[in-house]
Amino acid sequence: AIYGSRVGVSLWLSNRFVQEPLPCSLPYIWYSRRMADSNAPQAAPASNPQPTDPPQGQQPGYGYPPPGQQPGYVAPPPGQQPGYGYPPPGQQPGYGYPPPGQQPGYVAPPPGQQPGVPAAVGGKGKQVVWMPPPQQTIVGCPPGLEYLTQIDQILIHQQIEIFEILTGWETANKYQIKNTLGQQVYFAAEDSNCCLRQYCGPSRPFDMAIVDNQNKEVIHMVRPLRCSSTWCGFCCLQQVEVQSPPGTTIGYVKQEFDFIYPKFTIRNAEDQVVLGIKGPFCTVSCGQDVNFQVFSANWETEVGKISKQWSGFVKEYFTDADNFGIQFPMDLDVKIKAVMIAACFLIDFMYYEKSNNNNRRSY
């Protein structure tokens, strides 16, 4: 009887434990946590955030990136192309900011320098300021000669060639043509044969190209080969043909025979004498300027002059880089002014260019 009662109590406890485990037992703790997890509400899956649409009436690109644009996009003001840094209020395009149609990275030229033209560099590495081009169009004036209508005096500076000084090898001459304010008007460069420069010296033939601040050739000069010997003075006088624009003859510079004085005539396209040039008996420049007087066609009235300026003993003796000044009437025909520039170059070659690569002038 006792054994049967014990068996009955054991069966009752086992059934009770299976249905409701005791709170202090490990199975009860595991069972209660599992039931709590199964009865907890499931969280909704996360969805991708959608971009915030702009307010009504607001165009994409003004605070809101357009389709495919990264956040942080800042749109330009109306009329400004994306990607071009627009200037702040009051700032003109072209000074740190590209003008319309200009590629990024545009750098505006300094004052006095024309756009699209590299700044010329002088002999000492300084930038050269070009003379501003005339605004008005002059009837009958060859293109590029409008500058000469505004001036009555020009200065011509021959550039020093370091290679020529060190080696004695004759190089092509280059000249800067400036106004009295120091602004460059033209740049002249000699085009000649290398062998003729070495063997013919100052008597060599050459072409001289004169360009303006747009690097466009406006004057072309041609000097043929002529004998410079005194014995050939009657038949081999020097001359230069002047063309503007290149290919159109506007005048000539011709040497006139004279036993005592250097003489030249300035002629128009029809080979008619317009002006005369008379130099001094001695053309040596020693401590002072040498003046070549410019007269009217009848040789009676002085109207200007071409001056070989003294440049100092060192420069005069060791180099052939010369400085000249030309004076002419303001109302003189621009074509004749261009021919006077050619006369200055011819005087330089005949009397002040070194001969045979030594320190002897060609006189």
Foldseek 3Di string as FASTA:
>chain_A
DVVVVVVVVVVVVVVCCVVANDPVDPVNVVVVVVVVVVPDDDDDDDDDDDDDDDPPPDDAQPQHHDVPDDPPHHHDDPPDDPPFDDDDPPDDAQPQGHDPPDDPPRHHDDPQADPPFDFDAAQVRDTARADDADDDDDPPDFPLLSVLLVAQKKKKWKHFDPVCLVPLQDDWIKIFIGGPVRHTAKIKTWDFDRVCCQPVPLQGWIKIFIAGSNRHTFKIKTWDRFDPDPVCLVPGWTKMFMDGPPPHTFWMWTWDDDPFWTKIFTGGPVRHGAKIWTWHRDPDDDPAKGWIFIGGRVRPHTFWIKIWGDDDDVCQQSTLTTMIMTGGDSPPDSSSVRNVVVVNVSCSSQFRTDDNSHRDTND
